[in-house]
Protein backbone atom coordinates (compact mmCIF):
# COMPACT_ATOMS: atom_id res chain seq x y z
CA THR A 1 0.47 0.11 -0.27
CA ASP A 2 3.10 2.51 0.50
CA ILE A 3 4.57 1.85 -2.39
CA ILE A 4 0.91 2.43 -4.20
CA SER A 5 0.57 5.47 -2.19
CA LYS A 6 4.14 6.60 -3.05
CA PHE A 7 3.60 6.13 -7.07
CA PHE A 8 0.01 8.59 -6.69
CA LEU A 9 1.74 11.09 -5.03
CA MET A 10 4.61 10.98 -8.03
CA GLY A 11 1.63 11.17 -10.98
CA GLN A 12 1.73 7.44 -11.32
CA LEU A 13 -1.17 4.90 -11.18
CA VAL A 14 -0.15 1.79 -10.50
CA THR A 15 -1.72 -1.97 -9.00
CA ILE A 16 -0.46 -4.32 -6.84
CA ASN A 17 0.11 -7.17 -9.65
CA GLN A 18 1.40 -4.74 -11.89
CA ARG A 19 4.86 -4.94 -13.50
CA LEU A 20 7.07 -2.25 -13.29
CA ASP A 21 9.63 -0.94 -16.04
CA ARG A 22 13.42 -0.42 -14.86
CA ASP A 23 12.66 3.56 -14.66
CA SER A 24 9.66 2.78 -11.90
CA LEU A 25 11.75 0.35 -9.80
CA GLU A 26 14.83 2.21 -9.71
CA MET A 27 12.87 5.53 -8.72
CA ILE A 28 10.51 4.14 -6.13
CA CYS A 29 13.97 2.57 -4.64
CA ASP A 30 15.82 5.21 -4.15
CA GLU A 31 12.35 6.56 -2.33
CA PHE A 32 12.53 4.07 0.09
CA LYS A 33 16.19 3.91 -0.20
CA PHE A 34 16.51 0.57 -0.99
CA ASN A 35 19.42 -1.24 -1.97
CA PHE A 36 18.88 -3.02 -5.59
CA ARG A 37 20.72 -3.82 -8.71
CA PHE A 38 19.17 -5.16 -12.10
CA GLU A 39 19.31 -8.90 -12.95
CA ASP A 40 21.09 -9.38 -15.88
CA GLU A 41 19.90 -12.28 -18.56
CA TYR A 42 20.78 -15.65 -17.73
CA GLY A 43 24.03 -16.64 -18.69
CA THR A 44 25.85 -13.18 -19.11
CA GLU A 45 28.58 -13.81 -15.95
CA ILE A 46 29.34 -17.99 -17.91
CA ILE A 47 29.46 -15.51 -21.37
CA GLY A 48 31.86 -12.98 -19.45
CA GLN A 49 30.25 -9.57 -20.36
CA THR A 50 29.74 -8.99 -17.07
CA THR A 51 33.07 -9.32 -15.65
CA ASP A 52 36.44 -7.00 -16.08
CA LYS A 53 39.08 -9.67 -16.85
CA TYR A 54 38.89 -7.82 -20.51
CA ASP A 55 39.04 -4.08 -19.05
CA GLU A 56 42.69 -3.81 -20.49
CA ILE A 57 42.46 -4.84 -23.85
CA ASP A 58 42.62 -1.83 -25.97
CA ALA A 59 40.03 -0.95 -28.22
CA ILE A 60 40.37 0.37 -32.16
CA GLU A 61 38.21 2.53 -34.28
CA ARG A 62 35.45 0.83 -35.74
CA ALA A 63 32.82 1.54 -38.35
CA PRO A 64 29.96 3.84 -37.42
CA VAL A 65 26.43 2.30 -37.98
CA VAL A 66 23.92 4.31 -39.47
CA THR A 67 19.99 4.26 -39.76
CA ILE A 68 18.10 5.67 -42.46
CA MET A 69 14.49 6.41 -41.31
CA GLY A 70 11.72 8.87 -42.02
CA HIS A 71 8.19 8.83 -44.35
CA VAL A 72 7.65 5.90 -46.42
CA ASP A 73 7.32 7.61 -49.19
CA HIS A 74 10.23 10.15 -48.94
CA GLY A 75 12.65 7.89 -50.39
CA LYS A 76 14.63 7.01 -47.32
CA THR A 77 14.65 3.67 -49.87
CA SER A 78 15.84 5.18 -53.01
CA ILE A 79 18.87 6.82 -50.80
CA LEU A 80 19.90 3.28 -49.39
CA ASP A 81 20.13 1.90 -52.89
CA TYR A 82 21.65 4.71 -54.65
CA ILE A 83 24.46 4.57 -52.13
CA ARG A 84 24.68 0.64 -52.20
CA ASN A 85 24.80 0.24 -55.87
CA THR A 86 27.67 3.22 -56.54
CA ASN A 87 29.81 2.05 -53.65
CA VAL A 88 31.40 -0.99 -52.91
CA VAL A 89 33.32 -2.24 -50.19
CA ALA A 90 37.23 -2.47 -51.45
CA GLY A 91 38.47 -5.84 -53.27
CA GLU A 92 34.90 -7.05 -53.56
CA ALA A 93 33.51 -7.24 -56.68
CA GLY A 94 29.97 -8.21 -58.20
CA ARG A 95 26.54 -6.89 -57.31
CA ILE A 96 24.24 -7.18 -54.97
CA THR A 97 22.43 -10.22 -55.03
CA GLN A 98 20.29 -10.51 -51.79
CA HIS A 99 18.78 -8.59 -48.92
CA ILE A 100 20.66 -9.18 -45.63
CA GLY A 101 19.32 -6.04 -43.75
CA ALA A 102 22.71 -4.39 -43.33
CA TYR A 103 25.50 -3.62 -45.66
CA GLN A 104 29.18 -1.80 -45.84
CA ILE A 105 30.41 0.99 -48.01
CA GLU A 106 33.57 2.21 -48.37
CA ILE A 107 35.19 5.54 -49.24
CA ASN A 108 38.34 7.41 -48.81
CA LYS A 109 39.08 4.40 -46.44
CA HIS A 110 36.51 5.33 -43.90
CA ARG A 111 33.15 2.23 -43.68
CA ILE A 112 30.05 2.71 -43.24
CA THR A 113 27.31 0.30 -41.76
CA PHE A 114 23.97 0.90 -42.83
CA LEU A 115 20.71 -0.92 -41.16
CA ASP A 116 18.50 -1.30 -44.28
CA THR A 117 15.25 -1.55 -41.85
CA PRO A 118 11.76 -0.99 -43.08
CA GLY A 119 11.08 2.61 -40.94
CA HIS A 120 11.58 2.29 -37.34
CA GLU A 121 9.71 -0.82 -36.34
CA ALA A 122 13.42 -2.73 -36.41
CA PHE A 123 14.61 -0.06 -34.72
CA THR A 124 12.29 0.16 -31.94
CA ALA A 125 12.18 -3.32 -31.48
CA MET A 126 15.90 -3.89 -30.78
CA ARG A 127 15.82 -1.04 -28.60
CA ALA A 128 12.83 -2.54 -26.59
CA ARG A 129 15.62 -5.89 -26.11
CA GLY A 130 18.09 -3.46 -24.88
CA ALA A 131 20.44 -3.21 -28.04
CA ASN A 132 21.04 0.15 -28.91
CA ILE A 133 23.01 -0.57 -31.83
CA THR A 134 22.75 2.56 -34.08
CA ASP A 135 25.04 5.24 -33.89
CA ILE A 136 23.86 7.60 -36.32
CA ALA A 137 20.07 8.30 -37.52
CA VAL A 138 19.40 9.82 -40.80
CA ILE A 139 15.91 11.42 -41.21
CA VAL A 140 15.03 11.63 -44.33
CA VAL A 141 12.08 14.40 -45.20
CA SER A 142 10.82 15.26 -48.74
CA ALA A 143 11.41 18.83 -50.49
CA THR A 144 7.91 19.04 -51.92
CA GLU A 145 5.81 17.04 -48.95
CA GLY A 146 7.74 17.97 -45.80
CA VAL A 147 7.25 16.79 -42.06
CA LYS A 148 4.60 13.93 -41.72
CA PRO A 149 3.65 12.35 -38.57
CA GLN A 150 5.83 9.43 -39.44
CA THR A 151 8.47 11.70 -39.70
CA LEU A 152 8.34 13.14 -35.97
CA GLU A 153 7.73 9.38 -35.43
CA ALA A 154 11.11 8.78 -36.64
CA ILE A 155 12.97 11.63 -34.90
CA ASP A 156 11.16 10.68 -31.38
CA HIS A 157 12.59 7.64 -32.02
CA ALA A 158 15.89 8.51 -32.61
CA LYS A 159 15.84 11.16 -29.55
CA ALA A 160 14.50 8.53 -27.68
CA ALA A 161 17.80 6.39 -28.45
CA ASN A 162 20.46 9.34 -27.32
CA VAL A 163 21.27 9.00 -31.24
CA PRO A 164 22.61 11.80 -33.21
CA ILE A 165 20.52 13.09 -36.20
CA ILE A 166 21.39 14.00 -39.32
CA ILE A 167 18.71 15.60 -41.90
CA ALA A 168 18.36 14.55 -45.53
CA ILE A 169 16.24 16.75 -47.73
CA ASN A 170 15.31 14.89 -50.47
CA LYS A 171 13.57 14.82 -53.97
CA ILE A 172 15.26 18.43 -54.28
CA ASP A 173 15.42 17.51 -58.29
CA LEU A 174 11.75 17.90 -58.79
CA PRO A 175 10.28 21.41 -59.62
CA ASP A 176 7.84 21.98 -57.10
CA ILE A 177 9.97 21.87 -53.62
CA ASN A 178 10.00 24.36 -50.81
CA VAL A 179 13.15 23.72 -48.67
CA ASP A 180 12.24 26.80 -46.56
CA LYS A 181 8.80 25.47 -45.57
CA VAL A 182 10.32 21.94 -44.65
CA ILE A 183 13.52 23.82 -42.18
CA ALA A 184 10.38 25.91 -40.79
CA GLN A 185 8.49 22.65 -39.93
CA LEU A 186 11.73 20.99 -38.12
CA LEU A 187 12.21 23.96 -36.64
CA ASP A 188 8.51 24.20 -35.41
CA ASN A 189 9.13 20.21 -33.76
CA GLY A 190 12.52 21.27 -31.97
CA ILE A 191 14.84 20.36 -34.83
CA TYR A 192 17.11 23.09 -34.76
CA LEU A 193 19.04 22.67 -37.86
CA GLU A 194 22.70 24.31 -38.78
CA GLN A 195 22.84 27.32 -40.19
CA TYR A 196 19.71 28.28 -38.70
CA GLY A 197 20.36 28.54 -34.68
CA GLY A 198 21.33 24.66 -34.43
CA GLU A 199 23.43 21.98 -34.26
CA VAL A 200 21.86 18.94 -36.21
CA PRO A 201 23.85 19.03 -39.57
CA TRP A 202 21.58 18.82 -42.70
CA CYS A 203 21.81 18.68 -46.37
CA LYS A 204 20.24 18.26 -49.49
CA THR A 205 19.47 15.63 -51.46
CA SER A 206 18.68 13.68 -55.12
CA VAL A 207 18.83 9.97 -55.91
CA VAL A 208 17.69 11.14 -59.66
CA THR A 209 20.77 13.87 -59.75
CA GLY A 210 22.98 12.26 -57.39
CA GLU A 211 23.32 15.71 -55.71
CA GLY A 212 24.18 15.61 -51.84
CA ILE A 213 24.87 12.15 -51.56
CA LEU A 214 28.59 12.54 -51.32
CA ASN A 215 28.02 15.40 -48.79
CA LEU A 216 25.35 13.37 -46.89
CA ILE A 217 27.96 10.46 -46.40
CA GLU A 218 30.74 13.33 -45.50
CA LEU A 219 28.16 14.57 -42.88
CA ILE A 220 28.01 11.13 -41.26
CA LEU A 221 31.76 10.52 -41.09
CA LEU A 222 32.17 13.82 -39.50
CA THR A 223 29.71 12.95 -37.30
CA ALA A 224 31.01 9.61 -36.46
CA GLU A 225 34.94 11.14 -36.48
CA MET A 226 33.36 13.22 -33.39
CA MET A 227 31.66 10.52 -31.11
CA GLU A 228 35.16 8.53 -31.58
CA LEU A 229 33.44 5.04 -32.37
CA LYS A 230 35.49 2.47 -30.82
CA ALA A 231 35.72 -1.09 -30.04
CA LYS A 232 37.43 -4.44 -28.42
CA VAL A 233 38.74 -7.03 -30.83
CA ASP A 234 40.68 -9.66 -28.84
CA ILE A 235 37.69 -10.94 -26.98
CA PRO A 236 34.97 -13.23 -27.19
CA ALA A 237 32.67 -12.07 -30.03
CA CYS A 238 29.45 -10.54 -29.41
CA ALA A 239 27.18 -9.43 -32.14
CA VAL A 240 23.30 -8.37 -32.11
CA VAL A 241 20.53 -10.13 -34.62
CA ILE A 242 19.15 -7.13 -37.16
CA GLU A 243 16.80 -10.19 -38.35
CA ALA A 244 16.22 -13.88 -38.65
CA LYS A 245 14.21 -16.34 -40.60
CA ILE A 246 14.55 -20.40 -41.74
CA ASP A 247 15.44 -21.06 -45.13
CA THR A 248 13.74 -24.07 -46.74
CA LYS A 249 16.97 -24.72 -48.15
CA THR A 250 19.74 -23.93 -45.68
CA GLY A 251 17.58 -23.36 -42.61
CA VAL A 252 17.93 -20.64 -39.69
CA VAL A 253 19.54 -17.80 -41.30
CA VAL A 254 20.49 -14.80 -39.11
CA THR A 255 21.56 -11.33 -40.25
CA ALA A 256 23.52 -9.81 -37.52
CA LEU A 257 25.64 -7.21 -36.65
CA MET A 258 28.93 -7.44 -34.99
CA GLN A 259 29.47 -5.42 -31.62
CA GLU A 260 33.21 -6.25 -30.25
CA GLY A 261 35.75 -9.26 -30.59
CA THR A 262 35.83 -11.46 -33.67
CA LEU A 263 33.23 -14.28 -35.25
CA LYS A 264 34.96 -17.31 -37.19
CA LYS A 265 33.45 -20.19 -39.01
CA GLY A 266 33.33 -22.76 -36.45
CA ASP A 267 32.83 -20.83 -33.29
CA ILE A 268 30.13 -21.71 -30.89
CA VAL A 269 27.56 -18.99 -29.96
CA VAL A 270 24.61 -18.59 -27.64
CA CYS A 271 21.93 -16.38 -29.43
CA GLY A 272 18.80 -15.08 -27.21
CA ALA A 273 17.34 -18.94 -26.21
CA THR A 274 18.98 -21.06 -29.32
CA PHE A 275 22.66 -21.92 -29.98
CA GLY A 276 24.59 -23.65 -32.37
CA ARG A 277 27.87 -23.73 -34.22
CA ILE A 278 28.61 -21.42 -37.11
CA ARG A 279 28.39 -23.27 -40.42
CA LYS A 280 28.82 -20.47 -42.92
CA MET A 281 29.22 -16.21 -42.72
CA GLU A 282 27.93 -14.52 -46.01
CA ASN A 283 27.84 -11.11 -46.60
CA GLU A 284 25.57 -8.91 -48.74
CA ARG A 285 27.22 -10.43 -52.81
CA GLY A 286 27.11 -14.02 -51.37
CA GLY A 287 30.33 -13.96 -50.77
CA GLU A 288 31.51 -16.12 -47.92
CA ILE A 289 33.29 -14.17 -44.84
CA LYS A 290 36.23 -16.17 -43.32
CA ILE A 291 36.26 -13.64 -39.94
CA LEU A 292 33.94 -10.59 -38.57
CA TYR A 293 34.82 -7.65 -36.86
CA PRO A 294 33.31 -4.89 -35.00
CA SER A 295 30.28 -3.09 -37.25
CA ASP A 296 30.52 -6.07 -39.84
CA VAL A 297 27.74 -7.30 -40.90
CA ALA A 298 27.07 -11.04 -42.00
CA ARG A 299 24.19 -13.67 -42.52
CA ILE A 300 25.15 -16.20 -40.43
CA TYR A 301 24.27 -19.89 -40.59
CA GLY A 302 23.81 -22.46 -38.34
CA LEU A 303 22.02 -21.88 -34.87
CA ALA A 304 19.31 -24.56 -34.07
CA GLU A 305 16.26 -22.10 -33.90
CA VAL A 306 15.22 -18.70 -35.26
CA PRO A 307 16.17 -16.28 -32.43
CA LYS A 308 14.57 -12.97 -32.28
CA ALA A 309 15.49 -9.12 -33.51
CA GLY A 310 17.65 -7.62 -30.92
CA ASP A 311 19.09 -10.97 -29.28
CA LEU A 312 22.56 -10.70 -28.70
CA LEU A 313 24.33 -13.66 -30.22
CA ASN A 314 28.14 -14.80 -27.90
CA GLN A 315 30.91 -16.84 -28.46
CA VAL A 316 31.00 -19.37 -25.82
CA GLU A 317 33.80 -21.40 -24.90
CA ASN A 318 31.99 -24.89 -25.94
CA GLU A 319 28.57 -26.44 -27.07
CA LYS A 320 27.57 -27.81 -23.26
CA THR A 321 28.02 -24.19 -22.25
CA ALA A 322 25.64 -22.83 -25.09
CA ARG A 323 23.29 -25.57 -24.77
CA THR A 324 22.87 -24.63 -20.71
CA ILE A 325 22.37 -21.26 -21.20
CA SER A 326 19.82 -21.36 -24.45
CA THR A 327 17.84 -24.11 -22.28
CA GLU A 328 17.18 -21.78 -18.96
CA ARG A 329 16.81 -19.04 -20.85
CA TYR A 330 13.90 -20.64 -22.69
CA GLN A 331 12.03 -21.51 -19.67
CA ILE A 332 12.66 -18.08 -18.63
CA ARG A 333 10.97 -16.64 -21.16
CA ILE A 334 8.04 -18.91 -21.31
CA GLU A 335 7.44 -17.69 -17.73
CA ARG A 336 7.53 -14.14 -18.73
CA GLU A 337 5.22 -14.66 -21.78
CA LYS A 338 2.42 -15.52 -19.31
CA TYR A 339 2.49 -12.17 -17.91
CA HIS A 340 2.51 -10.29 -21.24
CA ASN A 341 -0.93 -11.06 -22.72
CA LYS A 342 -3.17 -7.54 -22.31
CA THR A 343 -6.18 -6.33 -24.04
CA THR A 344 -6.58 -5.46 -27.64
CA LEU A 345 -9.70 -5.46 -29.81
CA GLN A 346 -7.40 -8.06 -31.90
CA ASN A 347 -7.35 -10.63 -29.22
CA ILE A 348 -10.55 -10.09 -27.17
CA PHE A 349 -12.57 -13.30 -29.19
CA ALA A 350 -9.55 -15.68 -27.91
CA ARG A 351 -9.48 -14.53 -24.32
CA ILE A 352 -13.66 -14.55 -24.38
CA ASN A 353 -13.29 -18.59 -25.50
CA GLU A 354 -11.37 -19.41 -22.75
CA GLU A 355 -13.80 -17.51 -20.60
CA ARG A 356 -11.24 -15.37 -19.06
CA ILE A 357 -13.04 -11.70 -19.25
CA GLY A 358 -16.92 -10.67 -19.84
CA GLU A 359 -16.72 -7.12 -20.59
CA VAL A 360 -14.55 -4.60 -23.19
CA ARG A 361 -13.11 -2.09 -20.93
CA LEU A 362 -12.40 1.28 -22.16
CA LEU A 363 -10.50 4.76 -21.61
CA ILE A 364 -11.95 7.68 -23.55
CA LYS A 365 -10.48 10.94 -24.25
CA ALA A 366 -11.74 13.50 -26.08
CA ASP A 367 -11.88 16.51 -27.63
CA THR A 368 -15.20 18.28 -25.87
CA ASP A 369 -16.80 17.35 -23.18
CA GLY A 370 -19.94 16.48 -25.53
CA SER A 371 -18.08 14.01 -27.46
CA VAL A 372 -17.05 12.20 -24.09
CA GLU A 373 -20.27 12.41 -23.17
CA ALA A 374 -21.72 11.00 -26.69
CA LEU A 375 -19.12 8.34 -26.96
CA ALA A 376 -19.62 6.57 -22.93
CA ASP A 377 -23.54 7.12 -23.87
CA SER A 378 -23.38 5.55 -27.19
CA PHE A 379 -20.83 2.63 -25.84
CA PHE A 380 -23.10 1.98 -22.57
CA LYS A 381 -25.77 1.62 -24.53
CA LEU A 382 -24.24 -1.37 -26.77
CA SER A 383 -24.14 -3.56 -23.36
CA ASN A 384 -26.44 -6.20 -22.92
CA SER A 385 -27.37 -9.34 -20.49
CA GLU A 386 -24.24 -11.26 -21.62
CA VAL A 387 -21.59 -8.70 -22.75
CA MET A 388 -21.06 -4.79 -21.01
CA VAL A 389 -18.82 -2.17 -21.75
CA ASN A 390 -17.13 -0.77 -18.84
CA ILE A 391 -15.51 2.87 -19.09
CA ILE A 392 -12.93 3.02 -16.40
CA HIS A 393 -11.83 6.95 -17.42
CA LYS A 394 -12.97 9.55 -19.55
CA ASN A 395 -12.19 12.94 -19.98
CA VAL A 396 -10.98 15.57 -21.99
CA GLY A 397 -7.74 16.05 -23.71
CA GLY A 398 -5.06 14.28 -25.64
CA ILE A 399 -3.77 10.83 -24.98
CA ASN A 400 -0.83 10.84 -22.32
CA GLU A 401 1.36 8.70 -20.02
CA ASP A 402 -1.12 8.39 -17.23
CA ASP A 403 -3.65 7.42 -19.48
CA VAL A 404 -1.38 4.47 -20.87
CA ASN A 405 -0.58 3.56 -17.15
CA LEU A 406 -4.15 3.60 -15.81
CA ALA A 407 -5.07 1.41 -19.22
CA THR A 408 -2.24 -0.64 -18.41
CA ALA A 409 -3.15 -1.16 -14.67
CA SER A 410 -7.11 -2.14 -15.95
CA ASP A 411 -6.59 -4.13 -18.54
CA ALA A 412 -8.25 -1.34 -21.18
CA ILE A 413 -7.99 -0.10 -24.30
CA ILE A 414 -7.73 3.54 -25.12
CA ILE A 415 -10.49 5.56 -27.34
CA GLY A 416 -9.19 8.91 -28.75
CA PHE A 417 -12.24 11.00 -30.42
CA HIS A 418 -10.18 14.29 -32.40
CA VAL A 419 -7.20 13.80 -30.34
CA ARG A 420 -3.97 12.10 -30.24
CA ALA A 421 -1.40 10.39 -27.97
CA SER A 422 1.39 12.25 -27.21
CA HIS A 423 4.88 10.69 -28.49
CA GLN A 424 5.64 9.91 -25.04
CA ALA A 425 2.19 7.88 -24.52
CA LYS A 426 2.81 6.40 -27.37
CA LYS A 427 6.07 5.22 -27.08
CA LEU A 428 4.83 3.42 -23.17
CA ALA A 429 1.95 2.12 -25.20
CA GLU A 430 4.24 -0.01 -27.75
CA GLU A 431 6.41 -1.18 -24.49
CA GLN A 432 2.87 -2.02 -22.38
CA ASN A 433 0.93 -3.25 -25.04
CA VAL A 434 -1.85 -0.89 -24.40
CA ASP A 435 -3.76 -0.91 -27.87
CA ILE A 436 -5.02 3.00 -28.63
CA ARG A 437 -7.58 3.47 -31.30
CA ILE A 438 -8.10 7.40 -32.80
CA TYR A 439 -10.98 8.43 -34.58
CA GLN A 440 -12.84 11.02 -36.65
CA VAL A 441 -16.11 9.68 -37.00
CA ILE A 442 -17.91 8.91 -33.53
CA TYR A 443 -19.54 5.98 -36.12
CA ALA A 444 -16.37 4.17 -36.61
CA ALA A 445 -15.30 3.84 -33.42
CA ILE A 446 -19.03 2.81 -32.19
CA ASP A 447 -18.77 0.30 -35.21
CA ASP A 448 -15.27 -1.21 -33.73
CA VAL A 449 -16.26 -1.47 -30.19
CA ARG A 450 -19.61 -3.24 -31.41
CA GLN A 451 -17.75 -5.91 -33.41
CA ALA A 452 -15.51 -6.48 -30.43
CA LEU A 453 -18.87 -7.48 -27.99
CA GLU A 454 -20.21 -8.98 -30.84
CA GLY A 455 -16.77 -11.39 -30.82
CA MET A 456 -17.48 -11.77 -27.37
CA LEU A 457 -21.33 -13.35 -27.46
CA LYS A 458 -21.35 -16.69 -27.39
CA PRO A 459 -21.75 -19.03 -31.01
CA GLU A 460 -24.97 -20.06 -31.83
CA PHE A 461 -25.08 -22.85 -34.39
CA GLU A 462 -27.84 -24.43 -36.89
CA GLU A 463 -28.42 -27.21 -39.21
CA VAL A 464 -28.61 -26.80 -42.61
CA ILE A 465 -30.19 -29.46 -44.87
CA LEU A 466 -28.12 -29.36 -48.06
CA GLY A 467 -30.21 -32.58 -49.77
CA SER A 468 -31.22 -35.99 -49.53
CA ALA A 469 -31.25 -39.34 -51.37
CA VAL A 470 -33.61 -42.36 -51.79
CA VAL A 471 -31.34 -46.23 -51.91
CA ARG A 472 -32.28 -47.88 -55.04
CA GLN A 473 -30.39 -50.88 -54.88
CA ALA A 474 -27.56 -52.02 -52.18
CA PHE A 475 -24.16 -53.52 -53.43
CA LYS A 476 -22.09 -55.66 -50.87
CA ILE A 477 -18.59 -55.67 -52.31
CA LYS A 478 -15.68 -57.36 -51.03
CA LYS A 479 -12.98 -55.73 -48.90
CA VAL A 480 -15.10 -52.40 -49.65
CA GLY A 481 -18.58 -53.26 -48.01
CA VAL A 482 -21.90 -52.33 -48.65
CA ILE A 483 -22.40 -49.14 -51.50
CA ALA A 484 -25.76 -47.38 -51.39
CA GLY A 485 -26.83 -47.13 -55.15
CA CYS A 486 -28.57 -44.10 -54.65
CA TYR A 487 -30.77 -41.24 -56.76
CA ILE A 488 -30.60 -37.86 -55.48
CA GLU A 489 -34.22 -36.47 -54.94
CA ARG A 490 -33.41 -32.96 -53.59
CA GLY A 491 -30.92 -30.22 -53.30
CA SER A 492 -27.14 -32.18 -53.50
CA ILE A 493 -25.05 -34.58 -51.64
CA GLN A 494 -21.66 -33.16 -50.59
CA ARG A 495 -18.34 -35.42 -49.62
CA GLN A 496 -17.60 -33.54 -46.74
CA CYS A 497 -21.43 -33.34 -45.36
CA LYS A 498 -23.04 -35.10 -42.41
CA VAL A 499 -25.42 -37.81 -43.20
CA ARG A 500 -28.23 -39.58 -41.65
CA LEU A 501 -29.78 -42.81 -42.69
CA TYR A 502 -33.70 -43.70 -42.24
CA ARG A 503 -35.47 -46.74 -42.45
CA ASN A 504 -39.61 -45.81 -42.69
CA ASP A 505 -39.07 -42.50 -41.32
CA VAL A 506 -36.65 -44.18 -38.20
CA LEU A 507 -33.24 -42.98 -37.82
CA LEU A 508 -30.83 -45.86 -38.09
CA TYR A 509 -27.65 -43.72 -38.33
CA GLU A 510 -25.69 -40.60 -37.90
CA GLY A 511 -22.26 -40.26 -39.37
CA ASN A 512 -19.89 -39.21 -42.19
CA LEU A 513 -19.43 -40.26 -45.51
CA ALA A 514 -17.22 -42.80 -46.53
CA SER A 515 -17.29 -42.03 -50.29
CA LEU A 516 -19.29 -40.61 -52.50
CA LYS A 517 -18.82 -41.47 -56.52
CA HIS A 518 -20.38 -40.71 -59.59
CA PHE A 519 -19.76 -43.77 -61.93
CA GLN A 520 -16.17 -44.92 -61.01
CA ASN A 521 -15.15 -41.63 -59.83
CA GLU A 522 -14.61 -40.34 -56.51
CA VAL A 523 -16.12 -36.38 -56.54
CA SER A 524 -16.88 -33.82 -54.12
CA GLU A 525 -20.90 -32.87 -54.93
CA ILE A 526 -23.68 -34.81 -56.82
CA LYS A 527 -26.69 -32.40 -57.41
CA ALA A 528 -30.77 -33.47 -57.63
CA GLY A 529 -31.47 -35.85 -60.45
CA ASN A 530 -28.11 -37.66 -60.44
CA GLU A 531 -27.58 -40.96 -59.70
CA CYS A 532 -24.59 -42.04 -57.32
CA GLY A 533 -22.99 -44.50 -55.14
CA MET A 534 -22.06 -43.71 -51.34
CA ALA A 535 -20.44 -45.52 -48.74
CA LEU A 536 -21.18 -44.74 -44.85
CA ASP A 537 -18.33 -44.67 -41.99
CA ARG A 538 -18.68 -47.75 -40.21
CA TRP A 539 -21.89 -48.79 -41.21
CA GLN A 540 -22.69 -51.72 -43.57
CA ASP A 541 -26.96 -52.33 -42.99
CA ILE A 542 -28.58 -50.20 -46.25
CA LYS A 543 -31.19 -51.69 -48.01
CA GLU A 544 -33.33 -50.26 -50.72
CA ASP A 545 -35.65 -47.57 -50.08
CA ASP A 546 -33.87 -46.19 -47.04
CA ILE A 547 -33.33 -42.45 -46.79
CA LEU A 548 -30.11 -40.74 -47.02
CA GLU A 549 -30.13 -37.09 -45.79
CA CYS A 550 -27.44 -34.61 -45.54
CA TYR A 551 -26.40 -31.77 -43.61
CA VAL A 552 -23.77 -29.46 -41.91
CA ILE A 553 -23.94 -27.53 -38.95
CA LYS A 554 -23.00 -23.30 -39.85
CA GLN A 555 -21.98 -21.29 -37.16
CA ILE A 556 -24.59 -18.17 -37.12
CA ASP A 557 -22.58 -14.89 -36.40
CA ARG A 558 -24.19 -12.76 -33.83
CA LYS A 559 -25.42 -9.56 -34.04
CA MET A 560 -26.00 -7.18 -31.07
CA THR A 561 -29.23 -6.03 -31.03
């Protein structure tokens, strides 16, 4: 109670069973003068990550790791392709033949590693697992469209990771550009560019003419030089998983970025909750690599299972150690996942089938009090004797971190109407798996909640008669059994349907068809007016003039009344 009260006084709502993040735990321990330490992932001491035995080893300069982010249509992929196709690492011939999620270029004897990620999703996933692998973030903004919501999200993700930002104002070859407008939009959103009272480096680029691309690379190298990026080489290898998949021909394939040490073919590694021996390493051109150094990227073959993006890949001494660590981590992850099943509109139906909830819990935020009350009244009216809406909180204003904390504690969905979530709230909601829904039309919000409630209604079923047939003759065939020669009187007979056999209007059999034939051919359906042969599953007592009835059981989609 004292802890919950203390959190409340600090402006944070928590419950007795709520899982707290590191910042909250650190804050409350400081308030109560507790001594504490965070537990490392199982096996880190065995691997050597938490020991100081490598402190005396000198670190050497490494290549910067750069992520290019921005709105989907602003040209970040085009910039990546332009750089990739015009800069080849020295000593390597041939064109790039496969996507590996990351690649290196070399210019003026300096290397740069680019992460080729689909927007900021992978960037965020890795941060969520504690893998801040990006050194520099290049934010691409279209010179014609300017700053978009996804641009701001990318900027916020970079800021949250404390990563230096470089702005690339792209598509300057187009006739309707407005660079001054883009700069003003960036300034309005707290990005203060060089030459405009700030320190954020920027340049203008075009992948059509090539203008500014070299300047962008120079800005990256200059930023990296000021950061003095270094890593140790003569220690056990440590890499981070960029992406992973199963290839039908080669098995598990992992794209990894080296952070420390060196990795070679034959090394034994543990990666998250799996392990293996390095069988092969390839670059983005499909060429085999013998050894990896810090900031190198490669496709790695040899792991037993598919790891997650952001998992660390660590070199260990032997297979026994790797197996022990991976097995224990797997068990720990299974236990932790039991506590991460949060409510979303998509998983409500599954949870209802398990009879764990009987209500939809909502937190409403809207632009005006009238909108708040209109939404609340509309949602309440959707409730009936089977399912109900429970509004745990409603208020005017944007969606903030307190709303997300309350939704987490109450297992609720946040409904926003003519408002938006703050960037901090979005970030927290992603971490806490809280579902935030934003609407501009009230009927869209009502329809979504209605559909969620309808998915919670217990299903009803009805029987649909498809057709019936009369037995004209019964044949007994060796090794097959009794075949009913039938004439279909109405509807149709389907191979996958259920059947009933009646004799003098008395039900003798109910089950499945063993076969359905038209002449000698097995068929899936025969319609009225045709003859057919039918065999019943585990039933031989069939006589002339018996009636066979075909039916199916259909689930009725229930609607709220």
